[in-house]
C-alpha cells in the first residue's frame, strides 16, 4: 500500500477546511449563526498548517471532521453567537430538571389555602387563594421575583449571550439539583431571617420564628409572601428607602402583622 505524502494530506485537509467554510456560510445564511473567527471555527491559518508535523495534522483533521459532522449543529445566541446544539440541549435539560424539582416541592402544598388574616376573635381566616394559585399569578406578573422559590425562565437561544454564559447557566441549574445546594440555601435563608428579626427588636416576632421545622420554614419562605413582608419591613427599619419611597408606619405595621399571621398559619401545618 502506497503511503500518503504530507503534501497529499495537506491537500485533503484543505478540502475539509473548505467544507467547514461552506458549513459556516450556511449557518450564517440560514440561521444567523456567526461562527467565523470564534472559538467554534475549526479552520486554521494555512501558513501555519504548512509547518505542522504529522501529529499536529492528525489533531487538525479530527477537529475538522468533527465540525463537519452532521451531529455538530449550532443555535444562534445574542448577535448570532454560536451555541453548540448539544450544549444547548444540555442546558434545556437542566432547566427542565429545576422546573420539575420546583413542581415536586410545591405539589404536597399546592392546594393549601393561604391565610387572609384573623377575625375579631383572633382566629385565622383562610382565603380562597391556594399556594399554587399564588405561584401561578406571581410567575405571570413577576417572573424574576427574588423572594420566591427559583424557577428558571424558559430561555430561547437568542436570550443567551455566548457559550460561556450558556455553560454557566447549565452549571448553576445542575448545582441547584444537589442536596448540598438545598442545605446551603436553607441555612442562608434562615440566617437572613434572623438578621432581619434582630433589627426589628420585636420580642413577639423573635419568639414566633423559633421552633419551626425545616419543612414549615421552606413553605413559609418559598411559597408565601412572608419574605416580601420581612424585606419591606427590614428596609424601612434600615432607612434604605428614599423619602419618596418611604411607606407610612401603618403600612409597615401591616406588613409585620401579615408576617406574624403567616408564621402562625405555617406552624399549624404538620411538616
Protein backbone atom coordinates (compact mmCIF):
# COMPACT_ATOMS: atom_id res chain seq x y z
CA UNK A 1 0.00 0.00 0.00
CA UNK A 2 1.40 3.40 -1.01
CA UNK A 3 1.58 5.76 1.97
CA UNK A 4 0.07 9.20 1.67
CA UNK A 5 2.53 12.02 1.29
CA UNK A 6 2.46 15.07 3.51
CA UNK A 7 1.51 17.24 0.56
CA UNK A 8 -1.41 14.96 -0.32
CA UNK A 9 -2.55 15.01 3.27
CA UNK A 10 -2.42 18.80 3.43
CA UNK A 11 -4.46 18.93 0.23
CA UNK A 12 -7.10 16.71 1.85
CA UNK A 13 -7.13 18.93 4.91
CA UNK A 14 -7.57 21.96 2.69
CA UNK A 15 -10.66 20.28 1.21
CA UNK A 16 -12.02 19.56 4.69
CA UNK A 17 -11.39 23.20 5.62
CA UNK A 18 -13.33 24.21 2.51
CA UNK A 19 -16.26 22.04 3.63
CA UNK A 20 -16.07 23.73 7.04
CA UNK A 21 -16.13 27.17 5.35
CA UNK A 22 -19.28 26.24 3.45
CA UNK A 23 -20.94 24.97 6.65
CA UNK A 24 -20.04 28.23 8.37
CA UNK A 25 -21.56 30.19 5.49
CA UNK A 26 -24.77 28.11 5.58
CA UNK A 27 -25.18 28.66 9.31
CA UNK A 28 -24.87 32.41 8.86
CA UNK A 29 -27.23 32.49 5.88
CA UNK A 30 -29.89 30.09 7.16
CA UNK A 31 -29.84 30.54 10.93
CA UNK A 32 -27.97 33.73 11.64
CA UNK A 33 -25.18 31.88 13.47
CA UNK A 34 -21.85 33.73 13.26
CA UNK A 35 -19.13 31.08 13.59
CA UNK A 36 -16.28 32.64 11.61
CA UNK A 37 -13.49 33.90 13.83
CA UNK A 38 -14.93 32.42 17.05
CA UNK A 39 -13.67 29.55 19.19
CA UNK A 40 -16.12 27.31 17.34
CA UNK A 41 -14.37 27.95 13.98
CA UNK A 42 -12.03 24.97 13.42
CA UNK A 43 -10.14 26.48 10.49
CA UNK A 44 -6.51 27.46 10.91
CA UNK A 45 -4.10 29.70 9.08
CA UNK A 46 -2.82 27.75 6.02
CA UNK A 47 0.68 29.17 6.52
CA UNK A 48 0.75 27.57 9.97
CA UNK A 49 -0.76 24.29 8.74
CA UNK A 50 2.03 24.11 6.18
CA UNK A 51 4.51 23.80 9.06
CA UNK A 52 2.57 21.16 11.04
CA UNK A 53 4.12 17.80 11.77
CA UNK A 54 2.21 14.53 11.45
CA UNK A 55 0.80 14.65 14.98
CA UNK A 56 -0.45 18.21 14.57
CA UNK A 57 -2.04 17.31 11.25
CA UNK A 58 -3.85 14.39 12.94
CA UNK A 59 -5.31 16.71 15.56
CA UNK A 60 -6.36 19.29 12.97
CA UNK A 61 -8.06 16.65 10.85
CA UNK A 62 -10.04 15.35 13.84
CA UNK A 63 -11.26 18.85 14.59
CA UNK A 64 -12.34 19.48 11.01
CA UNK A 65 -14.13 16.14 10.70
CA UNK A 66 -15.92 16.68 14.00
CA UNK A 67 -17.02 20.14 12.93
CA UNK A 68 -18.20 18.92 9.53
CA UNK A 69 -20.16 16.04 11.07
CA UNK A 70 -23.94 16.29 10.90
CA UNK A 71 -24.00 15.76 14.66
CA UNK A 72 -22.33 19.16 15.10
CA UNK A 73 -25.06 21.79 14.85
CA UNK A 74 -25.50 25.28 16.25
CA UNK A 75 -28.13 27.64 17.62
CA UNK A 76 -27.87 31.43 17.33
CA UNK A 77 -27.30 33.25 20.61
CA UNK A 78 -27.20 37.02 21.12
CA UNK A 79 -25.93 38.71 17.95
CA UNK A 80 -25.56 35.30 16.32
CA UNK A 81 -23.14 33.88 18.91
CA UNK A 82 -22.60 30.18 18.08
CA UNK A 83 -24.11 27.86 20.69
CA UNK A 84 -23.37 24.18 20.01
CA UNK A 85 -26.72 22.41 19.88
CA UNK A 86 -25.50 19.61 22.15
CA UNK A 87 -24.62 22.23 24.79
CA UNK A 88 -27.96 23.97 24.25
CA UNK A 89 -29.91 20.74 24.72
CA UNK A 90 -27.91 20.00 27.87
CA UNK A 91 -28.91 23.41 29.20
CA UNK A 92 -32.59 22.87 28.37
CA UNK A 93 -32.46 19.52 30.14
CA UNK A 94 -31.05 21.19 33.26
CA UNK A 95 -33.65 23.95 33.03
CA UNK A 96 -36.49 21.42 32.93
CA UNK A 97 -34.96 19.44 35.79
CA UNK A 98 -35.03 22.52 38.07
CA UNK A 99 -38.59 23.26 37.00
CA UNK A 100 -39.63 19.67 37.75
CA UNK A 101 -37.98 19.88 41.18
CA UNK A 102 -39.89 23.06 41.96
CA UNK A 103 -43.18 21.45 40.95
CA UNK A 104 -42.38 18.35 43.03
CA UNK A 105 -41.52 20.50 46.08
CA UNK A 106 -44.72 22.50 45.73
CA UNK A 107 -47.04 19.58 44.90
CA UNK A 108 -47.75 18.46 48.52
CA UNK A 109 -48.85 22.02 49.40
CA UNK A 110 -50.33 23.16 46.08
CA UNK A 111 -53.95 23.14 47.26
CA UNK A 112 -53.24 24.53 50.73
CA UNK A 113 -55.19 27.75 51.29
CA UNK A 114 -53.26 30.82 52.37
CA UNK A 115 -54.38 32.87 55.38
CA UNK A 116 -56.38 36.01 54.77
CA UNK A 117 -55.90 37.36 58.28
CA UNK A 118 -57.69 36.99 61.60
CA UNK A 119 -61.28 37.52 62.69
CA UNK A 120 -62.33 39.71 65.62
CA UNK A 121 -61.70 36.78 67.96
CA UNK A 122 -58.11 36.34 66.80
CA UNK A 123 -58.75 33.18 64.82
CA UNK A 124 -57.06 32.55 61.50
CA UNK A 125 -59.26 33.09 58.46
CA UNK A 126 -58.26 31.31 55.26
CA UNK A 127 -58.62 32.86 51.83
CA UNK A 128 -59.71 31.10 48.63
CA UNK A 129 -56.21 31.53 47.21
CA UNK A 130 -54.06 28.41 47.31
CA UNK A 131 -50.29 28.22 47.22
CA UNK A 132 -50.44 27.12 43.58
CA UNK A 133 -52.82 29.99 42.69
CA UNK A 134 -50.36 32.47 44.14
CA UNK A 135 -47.33 30.92 42.45
CA UNK A 136 -49.04 30.91 39.06
CA UNK A 137 -50.12 34.53 39.48
CA UNK A 138 -46.70 35.68 40.60
CA UNK A 139 -44.92 33.86 37.78
CA UNK A 140 -47.10 35.70 35.29
CA UNK A 141 -46.75 39.15 36.83
CA UNK A 142 -43.23 38.92 38.25
CA UNK A 143 -41.34 36.04 36.54
CA UNK A 144 -37.99 37.06 38.04
CA UNK A 145 -39.15 37.97 41.55
CA UNK A 146 -36.36 37.38 44.06
CA UNK A 147 -38.41 36.38 47.11
CA UNK A 148 -39.82 33.25 45.52
CA UNK A 149 -38.66 29.69 45.03
CA UNK A 150 -36.43 29.84 41.97
CA UNK A 151 -37.77 28.59 38.66
CA UNK A 152 -35.60 29.28 35.62
CA UNK A 153 -37.22 31.23 32.80
CA UNK A 154 -37.86 29.32 29.59
CA UNK A 155 -34.90 30.70 27.69
CA UNK A 156 -34.52 30.72 23.93
CA UNK A 157 -31.10 30.65 22.24
CA UNK A 158 -31.34 34.36 21.42
CA UNK A 159 -31.58 35.07 25.18
CA UNK A 160 -28.08 33.70 25.79
CA UNK A 161 -25.01 35.90 25.26
CA UNK A 162 -22.48 33.24 24.29
CA UNK A 163 -21.20 29.73 25.01
CA UNK A 164 -19.50 30.81 28.24
CA UNK A 165 -22.81 32.21 29.53
CA UNK A 166 -24.62 29.05 28.47
CA UNK A 167 -22.08 26.90 30.31
CA UNK A 168 -22.51 28.96 33.49
CA UNK A 169 -26.31 28.75 33.31
CA UNK A 170 -26.18 24.98 32.89
CA UNK A 171 -23.72 24.62 35.77
CA UNK A 172 -25.92 26.76 38.03
CA UNK A 173 -29.01 24.68 37.23
CA UNK A 174 -27.22 21.42 37.89
CA UNK A 175 -25.90 22.82 41.17
CA UNK A 176 -29.46 23.64 42.22
CA UNK A 177 -30.36 19.98 41.86
CA UNK A 178 -27.91 18.85 44.55
CA UNK A 179 -28.79 18.17 48.19
CA UNK A 180 -25.82 20.29 49.25
CA UNK A 181 -27.20 23.35 47.45
CA UNK A 182 -30.61 22.90 49.10
CA UNK A 183 -28.99 22.69 52.52
CA UNK A 184 -26.89 25.80 51.89
CA UNK A 185 -29.91 27.77 50.66
CA UNK A 186 -31.92 26.73 53.73
CA UNK A 187 -29.13 27.92 56.04
CA UNK A 188 -28.71 31.15 54.06
CA UNK A 189 -32.43 31.95 54.26
CA UNK A 190 -32.57 31.21 57.99
CA UNK A 191 -29.57 33.45 58.62
CA UNK A 192 -31.15 36.21 56.55
CA UNK A 193 -34.36 35.93 58.57
CA UNK A 194 -32.52 36.09 61.88
CA UNK A 195 -30.64 39.21 60.76
CA UNK A 196 -33.89 40.94 59.83
CA UNK A 197 -35.67 39.93 63.04
CA UNK A 198 -32.77 41.30 65.12
CA UNK A 199 -33.23 44.72 63.53
CA UNK A 200 -36.95 44.91 64.35
CA UNK A 201 -36.48 44.43 68.10
CA UNK A 202 -39.91 42.78 68.18
CA UNK A 203 -39.93 40.23 71.00
CA UNK A 204 -43.16 38.59 69.83
CA UNK A 205 -41.80 38.04 66.32
CA UNK A 206 -38.47 36.85 67.70
CA UNK A 207 -40.24 34.15 69.70
CA UNK A 208 -42.56 33.20 66.85
CA UNK A 209 -39.79 32.38 64.37
CA UNK A 210 -38.32 29.85 66.81
CA UNK A 211 -39.30 26.20 66.70
CA UNK A 212 -40.29 25.92 63.05
CA UNK A 213 -39.45 22.65 61.32
CA UNK A 214 -37.39 22.72 58.14
CA UNK A 215 -40.50 21.86 56.14
CA UNK A 216 -42.53 24.67 57.72
CA UNK A 217 -39.76 27.19 57.10
CA UNK A 218 -39.39 26.16 53.45
CA UNK A 219 -43.11 26.60 52.78
CA UNK A 220 -43.14 29.94 54.63
CA UNK A 221 -40.08 31.31 52.83
CA UNK A 222 -40.59 29.91 49.33
CA UNK A 223 -44.34 29.72 48.77
CA UNK A 224 -45.88 32.69 50.63
CA UNK A 225 -45.46 36.45 50.79
CA UNK A 226 -43.54 36.16 54.07
CA UNK A 227 -40.12 37.01 52.60
CA UNK A 228 -41.60 40.13 51.00
CA UNK A 229 -43.25 41.17 54.27
CA UNK A 230 -39.94 40.84 56.06
CA UNK A 231 -37.87 42.51 53.35
CA UNK A 232 -40.12 45.58 53.12
CA UNK A 233 -40.12 45.98 56.89
CA UNK A 234 -36.37 45.44 57.13
CA UNK A 235 -35.59 48.10 54.52
CA UNK A 236 -37.88 50.51 56.35
CA UNK A 237 -36.07 50.00 59.66
CA UNK A 238 -32.68 50.20 57.95
CA UNK A 239 -33.79 53.50 56.38
CA UNK A 240 -32.89 52.30 52.91
CA UNK A 241 -35.86 53.96 51.29
CA UNK A 242 -35.74 57.50 49.93
CA UNK A 243 -38.29 59.97 51.36
CA UNK A 244 -40.48 59.37 48.31
CA UNK A 245 -40.25 55.59 48.68
CA UNK A 246 -40.82 55.53 52.42
CA UNK A 247 -44.10 53.93 53.50
CA UNK A 248 -46.39 55.17 56.30
CA UNK A 249 -45.80 53.40 59.61
CA UNK A 250 -49.32 52.00 59.43
CA UNK A 251 -48.44 50.07 56.28
CA UNK A 252 -45.17 48.84 57.80
CA UNK A 253 -47.06 47.57 60.83
CA UNK A 254 -49.45 45.80 58.47
CA UNK A 255 -46.54 44.08 56.71
CA UNK A 256 -45.22 42.85 60.04
CA UNK A 257 -48.66 41.65 61.15
CA UNK A 258 -49.05 39.74 57.88
CA UNK A 259 -45.70 38.08 58.53
CA UNK A 260 -46.80 37.03 62.03
CA UNK A 261 -50.08 35.65 60.67
CA UNK A 262 -48.17 33.56 58.14
CA UNK A 263 -45.88 32.17 60.85
CA UNK A 264 -48.87 31.21 62.99
CA UNK A 265 -50.50 29.60 59.96
CA UNK A 266 -47.49 27.59 58.85
CA UNK A 267 -46.79 26.32 62.37
CA UNK A 268 -50.16 24.56 62.27
CA UNK A 269 -49.00 22.52 59.26
CA UNK A 270 -47.58 19.09 60.00
CA UNK A 271 -44.36 19.25 58.03
